[in-house]
C-alpha atoms as a PDB file:
ATOM      1  CA  MET A   1      28.731  27.743  96.837  1.00  0.00           C
ATOM      2  CA  GLY A   2      24.984  27.483  97.212  1.00  0.00           C
ATOM      3  CA  ILE A   3      23.567  30.665  98.692  1.00  0.00           C
ATOM      4  CA  PHE A   4      19.980  30.506  97.536  1.00  0.00           C
ATOM      5  CA  GLY A   5      17.008  28.927  99.249  1.00  0.00           C
ATOM      6  CA  ARG A   6      15.803  27.061  96.188  1.00  0.00           C
ATOM      7  CA  LYS A   7      17.858  24.827  93.969  1.00  0.00           C
ATOM      8  CA  ARG A   8      17.956  25.271  90.248  1.00  0.00           C
ATOM      9  CA  ARG A   9      16.084  22.709  88.205  1.00  0.00           C
ATOM     10  CA  THR A  10      18.248  19.796  87.197  1.00  0.00           C
ATOM     11  CA  GLU A  11      16.301  19.148  84.030  1.00  0.00           C
ATOM     12  CA  GLY A  12      14.257  21.120  81.581  1.00  0.00           C
ATOM     13  CA  GLY A  13      15.342  24.778  81.362  1.00  0.00           C
ATOM     14  CA  SER A  14      18.746  25.962  80.270  1.00  0.00           C
ATOM     15  CA  ALA A  15      19.598  27.054  83.809  1.00  0.00           C
ATOM     16  CA  GLY A  16      19.689  23.430  84.870  1.00  0.00           C
ATOM     17  CA  ARG A  17      21.606  21.995  81.937  1.00  0.00           C
ATOM     18  CA  HIS A  18      24.929  23.727  82.390  1.00  0.00           C
ATOM     19  CA  ALA A  19      27.413  23.603  85.226  1.00  0.00           C
ATOM     20  CA  ALA A  20      28.842  26.872  86.508  1.00  0.00           C
ATOM     21  CA  PRO A  21      32.277  27.630  85.020  1.00  0.00           C
ATOM     22  CA  GLU A  22      35.289  27.510  87.281  1.00  0.00           C
ATOM     23  CA  ALA A  23      36.926  30.911  87.750  1.00  0.00           C
ATOM     24  CA  GLU A  24      40.677  31.100  87.309  1.00  0.00           C
ATOM     25  CA  ASP A  25      41.391  34.073  89.578  1.00  0.00           C
ATOM     26  CA  THR A  26      44.833  34.847  88.175  1.00  0.00           C
ATOM     27  CA  PHE A  27      45.459  38.502  88.834  1.00  0.00           C
ATOM     28  CA  GLU A  28      48.247  40.730  87.634  1.00  0.00           C
ATOM     29  CA  ASP A  29      49.506  44.154  88.617  1.00  0.00           C
ATOM     30  CA  GLU A  30      48.643  45.584  85.195  1.00  0.00           C
ATOM     31  CA  PRO A  31      45.967  44.825  82.569  1.00  0.00           C
ATOM     32  CA  TYR A  32      46.875  41.960  80.272  1.00  0.00           C
ATOM     33  CA  ASP A  33      46.353  41.761  76.526  1.00  0.00           C
ATOM     34  CA  ASP A  34      43.820  39.016  75.919  1.00  0.00           C
ATOM     35  CA  GLU A  35      43.516  38.045  72.268  1.00  0.00           C
ATOM     36  CA  ASP A  36      40.254  36.167  72.788  1.00  0.00           C
ATOM     37  CA  PRO A  37      37.513  38.391  71.271  1.00  0.00           C
ATOM     38  CA  GLU A  38      34.723  36.704  73.201  1.00  0.00           C
ATOM     39  CA  LEU A  39      35.239  36.999  76.946  1.00  0.00           C
ATOM     40  CA  SER A  40      31.745  36.058  78.049  1.00  0.00           C
ATOM     41  CA  ASP A  41      30.842  32.967  76.060  1.00  0.00           C
ATOM     42  CA  VAL A  42      28.955  31.213  78.842  1.00  0.00           C
ATOM     43  CA  SER A  43      25.550  29.633  78.524  1.00  0.00           C
ATOM     44  CA  ASP A  44      24.356  29.435  82.124  1.00  0.00           C
ATOM     45  CA  GLY A  45      23.811  33.151  82.776  1.00  0.00           C
ATOM     46  CA  PRO A  46      23.297  35.974  83.153  1.00  0.00           C
ATOM     47  CA  PHE A  47      20.301  35.665  80.855  1.00  0.00           C
ATOM     48  CA  ASP A  48      18.433  37.883  78.483  1.00  0.00           C
ATOM     49  CA  VAL A  49      14.756  37.865  79.434  1.00  0.00           C
ATOM     50  CA  ALA A  50      13.884  36.471  75.993  1.00  0.00           C
ATOM     51  CA  ASP A  51      16.044  33.379  76.563  1.00  0.00           C
ATOM     52  CA  PHE A  52      15.291  32.693  80.210  1.00  0.00           C
ATOM     53  CA  GLU A  53      13.234  29.772  81.467  1.00  0.00           C
ATOM     54  CA  ASP A  54      11.918  29.978  85.008  1.00  0.00           C
ATOM     55  CA  ASP A  55      14.202  28.206  87.473  1.00  0.00           C
ATOM     56  CA  GLY A  56      12.199  28.878  90.652  1.00  0.00           C
ATOM     57  CA  ILE A  57      14.814  31.188  92.196  1.00  0.00           C
ATOM     58  CA  PRO A  58      13.247  34.233  93.917  1.00  0.00           C
ATOM     59  CA  ARG A  59      14.351  37.549  92.418  1.00  0.00           C
ATOM     60  CA  ILE A  60      13.553  41.191  93.021  1.00  0.00           C
ATOM     61  CA  ASP A  61      12.097  42.650  89.824  1.00  0.00           C
ATOM     62  CA  LEU A  62      13.730  46.002  89.116  1.00  0.00           C
ATOM     63  CA  GLY A  63      12.405  46.350  85.590  1.00  0.00           C
ATOM     64  CA  SER A  64      15.591  46.236  83.542  1.00  0.00           C
ATOM     65  CA  VAL A  65      17.174  43.648  85.828  1.00  0.00           C
ATOM     66  CA  LYS A  66      15.734  40.878  87.934  1.00  0.00           C
ATOM     67  CA  VAL A  67      18.251  40.176  90.682  1.00  0.00           C
ATOM     68  CA  PRO A  68      18.311  37.100  92.940  1.00  0.00           C
ATOM     69  CA  VAL A  69      18.300  37.770  96.666  1.00  0.00           C
ATOM     70  CA  PRO A  70      20.223  35.188  98.755  1.00  0.00           C
ATOM     71  CA  ASP A  71      18.806  33.837 101.997  1.00  0.00           C
ATOM     72  CA  GLY A  72      19.626  36.111 104.926  1.00  0.00           C
ATOM     73  CA  SER A  73      20.431  39.154 102.800  1.00  0.00           C
ATOM     74  CA  GLN A  74      18.738  42.552 102.703  1.00  0.00           C
ATOM     75  CA  VAL A  75      17.759  44.875  99.876  1.00  0.00           C
ATOM     76  CA  GLN A  76      18.650  48.559 100.172  1.00  0.00           C
ATOM     77  CA  VAL A  77      17.394  51.269  97.805  1.00  0.00           C
ATOM     78  CA  GLU A  78      19.576  54.300  97.130  1.00  0.00           C
ATOM     79  CA  MET A  79      17.562  57.328  96.028  1.00  0.00           C
ATOM     80  CA  ASP A  80      18.815  60.344  94.101  1.00  0.00           C
ATOM     81  CA  PRO A  81      18.019  63.352  96.343  1.00  0.00           C
ATOM     82  CA  GLU A  82      18.014  65.751  93.374  1.00  0.00           C
ATOM     83  CA  THR A  83      15.701  63.886  91.011  1.00  0.00           C
ATOM     84  CA  GLY A  84      13.832  61.728  93.522  1.00  0.00           C
ATOM     85  CA  GLY A  85      14.474  58.707  91.298  1.00  0.00           C
ATOM     86  CA  VAL A  86      16.214  55.442  92.095  1.00  0.00           C
ATOM     87  CA  ARG A  87      19.992  55.696  91.872  1.00  0.00           C
ATOM     88  CA  ALA A  88      20.789  52.065  92.694  1.00  0.00           C
ATOM     89  CA  VAL A  89      19.513  48.979  94.465  1.00  0.00           C
ATOM     90  CA  HIS A  90      21.944  47.024  96.624  1.00  0.00           C
ATOM     91  CA  VAL A  91      21.820  43.469  97.925  1.00  0.00           C
ATOM     92  CA  VAL A  92      23.565  43.396 101.301  1.00  0.00           C
ATOM     93  CA  THR A  93      25.042  40.033 102.273  1.00  0.00           C
ATOM     94  CA  GLU A  94      27.338  38.911 105.070  1.00  0.00           C
ATOM     95  CA  GLN A  95      30.261  39.155 102.642  1.00  0.00           C
ATOM     96  CA  GLY A  96      29.515  42.667 101.397  1.00  0.00           C
ATOM     97  CA  GLN A  97      27.218  44.958  99.458  1.00  0.00           C
ATOM     98  CA  ILE A  98      26.435  43.908  95.899  1.00  0.00           C
ATOM     99  CA  THR A  99      25.222  46.223  93.147  1.00  0.00           C
ATOM    100  CA  VAL A 100      24.182  44.962  89.720  1.00  0.00           C
ATOM    101  CA  SER A 101      23.626  47.428  86.861  1.00  0.00           C
ATOM    102  CA  ALA A 102      22.781  47.021  83.174  1.00  0.00           C
ATOM    103  CA  TYR A 103      23.651  49.337  80.284  1.00  0.00           C
ATOM    104  CA  ALA A 104      22.834  49.659  76.597  1.00  0.00           C
ATOM    105  CA  ALA A 105      25.648  48.208  74.491  1.00  0.00           C
ATOM    106  CA  PRO A 106      26.535  47.477  70.857  1.00  0.00           C
ATOM    107  CA  ARG A 107      25.238  44.297  69.246  1.00  0.00           C
ATOM    108  CA  THR A 108      28.835  43.232  68.744  1.00  0.00           C
ATOM    109  CA  GLY A 109      29.731  43.506  72.446  1.00  0.00           C
ATOM    110  CA  GLY A 110      33.098  44.712  73.672  1.00  0.00           C
ATOM    111  CA  LEU A 111      31.819  47.475  75.954  1.00  0.00           C
ATOM    112  CA  TRP A 112      33.088  45.930  79.176  1.00  0.00           C
ATOM    113  CA  ARG A 113      36.700  46.035  77.981  1.00  0.00           C
ATOM    114  CA  GLU A 114      36.390  49.785  77.394  1.00  0.00           C
ATOM    115  CA  VAL A 115      34.555  50.422  80.658  1.00  0.00           C
ATOM    116  CA  SER A 116      36.873  48.240  82.734  1.00  0.00           C
ATOM    117  CA  SER A 117      39.947  50.105  81.502  1.00  0.00           C
ATOM    118  CA  GLU A 118      38.396  53.455  82.414  1.00  0.00           C
ATOM    119  CA  LEU A 119      37.232  52.089  85.759  1.00  0.00           C
ATOM    120  CA  ALA A 120      40.696  50.783  86.635  1.00  0.00           C
ATOM    121  CA  ASP A 121      42.233  54.161  85.786  1.00  0.00           C
ATOM    122  CA  GLN A 122      39.691  55.968  87.953  1.00  0.00           C
ATOM    123  CA  LEU A 123      40.255  53.618  90.880  1.00  0.00           C
ATOM    124  CA  ARG A 124      44.011  54.160  90.674  1.00  0.00           C
ATOM    125  CA  ALA A 125      43.468  57.915  90.535  1.00  0.00           C
ATOM    126  CA  ASP A 126      41.457  57.579  93.750  1.00  0.00           C
ATOM    127  CA  GLY A 127      44.381  55.850  95.437  1.00  0.00           C
ATOM    128  CA  ALA A 128      43.216  52.254  95.186  1.00  0.00           C
ATOM    129  CA  LYS A 129      45.518  49.300  94.677  1.00  0.00           C
ATOM    130  CA  VAL A 130      44.165  47.724  91.512  1.00  0.00           C
ATOM    131  CA  THR A 131      44.796  44.315  89.985  1.00  0.00           C
ATOM    132  CA  ILE A 132      43.210  42.892  86.845  1.00  0.00           C
ATOM    133  CA  GLY A 133      42.804  39.297  85.816  1.00  0.00           C
ATOM    134  CA  ARG A 134      40.530  36.701  84.309  1.00  0.00           C
ATOM    135  CA  GLY A 135      37.479  35.321  86.082  1.00  0.00           C
ATOM    136  CA  ALA A 136      34.290  33.522  85.148  1.00  0.00           C
ATOM    137  CA  TRP A 137      33.430  35.836  82.220  1.00  0.00           C
ATOM    138  CA  GLY A 138      36.801  37.303  81.366  1.00  0.00           C
ATOM    139  CA  LEU A 139      38.173  40.533  82.781  1.00  0.00           C
ATOM    140  CA  GLU A 140      37.636  41.144  86.490  1.00  0.00           C
ATOM    141  CA  ILE A 141      38.916  44.065  88.524  1.00  0.00           C
ATOM    142  CA  SER A 142      40.035  43.763  92.122  1.00  0.00           C
ATOM    143  CA  ALA A 143      40.708  46.896  94.163  1.00  0.00           C
ATOM    144  CA  ILE A 144      41.663  47.706  97.723  1.00  0.00           C
ATOM    145  CA  ILE A 145      40.730  51.082  99.213  1.00  0.00           C
ATOM    146  CA  GLY A 146      41.611  51.350 102.884  1.00  0.00           C
ATOM    147  CA  ASP A 147      39.988  48.403 104.636  1.00  0.00           C
ATOM    148  CA  VAL A 148      37.489  47.795 101.831  1.00  0.00           C
ATOM    149  CA  ALA A 149      37.936  45.172  99.124  1.00  0.00           C
ATOM    150  CA  LEU A 150      36.126  45.643  95.810  1.00  0.00           C
ATOM    151  CA  ARG A 151      35.563  43.205  92.970  1.00  0.00           C
ATOM    152  CA  PHE A 152      34.028  44.158  89.625  1.00  0.00           C
ATOM    153  CA  VAL A 153      32.783  41.781  86.947  1.00  0.00           C
ATOM    154  CA  GLY A 154      31.295  42.598  83.567  1.00  0.00           C
ATOM    155  CA  ILE A 155      29.445  40.588  80.950  1.00  0.00           C
ATOM    156  CA  ASP A 156      28.900  41.603  77.335  1.00  0.00           C
ATOM    157  CA  ARG A 157      25.802  40.428  75.508  1.00  0.00           C
ATOM    158  CA  PRO A 158      24.217  41.683  72.273  1.00  0.00           C
ATOM    159  CA  ARG A 159      22.719  45.132  73.023  1.00  0.00           C
ATOM    160  CA  TRP A 160      23.427  45.110  76.771  1.00  0.00           C
ATOM    161  CA  MET A 161      26.246  44.912  79.270  1.00  0.00           C
ATOM    162  CA  LEU A 162      25.849  43.827  82.881  1.00  0.00           C
ATOM    163  CA  ARG A 163      28.197  45.031  85.597  1.00  0.00           C
ATOM    164  CA  GLY A 164      28.360  43.685  89.123  1.00  0.00           C
ATOM    165  CA  VAL A 165      30.411  44.892  92.071  1.00  0.00           C
ATOM    166  CA  ILE A 166      30.781  43.787  95.667  1.00  0.00           C
ATOM    167  CA  ALA A 167      32.291  45.955  98.398  1.00  0.00           C
ATOM    168  CA  GLY A 168      33.159  44.451 101.757  1.00  0.00           C
ATOM    169  CA  PRO A 169      35.869  43.866 104.350  1.00  0.00           C
ATOM    170  CA  GLN A 170      39.146  42.394 103.139  1.00  0.00           C
ATOM    171  CA  SER A 171      38.668  39.451 105.472  1.00  0.00           C
ATOM    172  CA  GLU A 172      35.646  38.368 103.403  1.00  0.00           C
ATOM    173  CA  ALA A 173      37.185  39.032  99.983  1.00  0.00           C
ATOM    174  CA  ALA A 174      37.602  35.403  98.900  1.00  0.00           C
ATOM    175  CA  ALA A 175      34.035  34.421  99.781  1.00  0.00           C
ATOM    176  CA  ALA A 176      32.664  37.716  98.439  1.00  0.00           C
ATOM    177  CA  VAL A 177      33.838  36.960  94.912  1.00  0.00           C
ATOM    178  CA  GLU A 178      31.840  33.732  94.756  1.00  0.00           C
ATOM    179  CA  VAL A 179      28.719  35.395  96.155  1.00  0.00           C
ATOM    180  CA  LEU A 180      28.999  38.156  93.551  1.00  0.00           C
ATOM    181  CA  ARG A 181      29.460  35.721  90.682  1.00  0.00           C
ATOM    182  CA  GLU A 182      26.527  33.598  91.744  1.00  0.00           C
ATOM    183  CA  ILE A 183      24.182  36.575  91.945  1.00  0.00           C
ATOM    184  CA  VAL A 184      25.367  37.958  88.592  1.00  0.00           C
ATOM    185  CA  ARG A 185      25.107  34.538  86.961  1.00  0.00           C
ATOM    186  CA  ARG A 186      21.439  34.274  87.920  1.00  0.00           C
ATOM    187  CA  THR A 187      20.460  37.840  87.039  1.00  0.00           C
ATOM    188  CA  ILE A 188      17.950  38.404  84.226  1.00  0.00           C
ATOM    189  CA  VAL A 189      18.279  41.458  81.949  1.00  0.00           C
ATOM    190  CA  ASP A 190      15.322  43.063  80.160  1.00  0.00           C
ATOM    191  CA  ARG A 191      16.912  45.476  77.669  1.00  0.00           C
ATOM    192  CA  GLY A 192      13.700  46.376  75.864  1.00  0.00           C
ATOM    193  CA  ASP A 193      13.477  47.225  72.188  1.00  0.00           C
ATOM    194  CA  ALA A 194      13.801  51.010  72.310  1.00  0.00           C
ATOM    195  CA  PRO A 195      16.955  52.438  70.705  1.00  0.00           C
ATOM    196  CA  MET A 196      19.283  54.199  73.124  1.00  0.00           C
ATOM    197  CA  PRO A 197      22.867  55.418  73.118  1.00  0.00           C
ATOM    198  CA  VAL A 198      25.588  52.994  74.130  1.00  0.00           C
ATOM    199  CA  ARG A 199      26.410  53.172  77.864  1.00  0.00           C
ATOM    200  CA  THR A 200      22.957  54.446  78.779  1.00  0.00           C
ATOM    201  CA  PRO A 201      21.992  52.884  82.144  1.00  0.00           C
ATOM    202  CA  LEU A 202      18.870  50.752  81.820  1.00  0.00           C
ATOM    203  CA  THR A 203      16.061  52.176  83.924  1.00  0.00           C
ATOM    204  CA  ILE A 204      15.490  50.761  87.393  1.00  0.00           C
ATOM    205  CA  THR A 205      11.905  50.533  88.586  1.00  0.00           C
ATOM    206  CA  LEU A 206      10.900  49.375  92.050  1.00  0.00           C
ATOM    207  CA  PRO A 207       8.239  46.801  92.873  1.00  0.00           C
ATOM    208  CA  GLU A 208       5.023  48.549  93.875  1.00  0.00           C
ATOM    209  CA  ALA A 209       5.204  47.495  97.529  1.00  0.00           C
ATOM    210  CA  VAL A 210       8.791  48.759  97.846  1.00  0.00           C
ATOM    211  CA  ALA A 211       7.966  52.054  96.138  1.00  0.00           C
ATOM    212  CA  GLU A 212       4.982  52.610  98.447  1.00  0.00           C
ATOM    213  CA  HIS A 213       7.110  51.885 101.522  1.00  0.00           C
ATOM    214  CA  ILE A 214       9.768  54.399 100.439  1.00  0.00           C
ATOM    215  CA  ALA A 215       7.117  57.021  99.661  1.00  0.00           C
ATOM    216  CA  ALA A 216       5.639  56.565 103.123  1.00  0.00           C
ATOM    217  CA  GLN A 217       9.053  56.952 104.737  1.00  0.00           C
ATOM    218  CA  GLN A 218       9.719  60.120 102.783  1.00  0.00           C
ATOM    219  CA  GLN A 219       6.403  61.609 103.881  1.00  0.00           C
ATOM    220  CA  GLN A 220       7.179  60.828 107.523  1.00  0.00           C
ATOM    221  CA  GLY A 221      10.627  62.356 107.141  1.00  0.00           C
END
């Protein structure tokens, strides 16, 4: 599914040399025991900033993550009313609202398996119907809460983990998964070199024009 205005390069950079993996989408009622220690051994993204070669796709630069914005979508900024900082940045598409977040992780990976298990337990505690299966990078979580369908993906890389989620109507669930995967696949992560505890969210910073617009709105409010 091509959702971006520009095509990736077909030669040169690593983004153009590898085809996107096919997702299996086999989901079960309970988590399965996968013996494969490497769930995210894909070479076409998401990328560490040190390994990325420009592919011409427009992205919003949020400091720790650079997230592609599909044609026809909107960017929404969620502020923390207590601290005044940025809580999250969402990409709103026709299929649902997508949020991509990066976290500090061990060099050896494996954080997503821990986080996904905790997330599934929390979703069940909140009354969601949860299924777990294998997707493009390994474990994916699907959840239904009322009329809303959620899909979570996670990717382990040395020193960082990327998590993506899309929330939208159940009628768009099948298409929403592909939109989420494509955005996550083309996201760039800038972990930085500073030491930080595992699971620490990587800092989100807004582009100057966006930050000025929000500041102006807050003053008017």
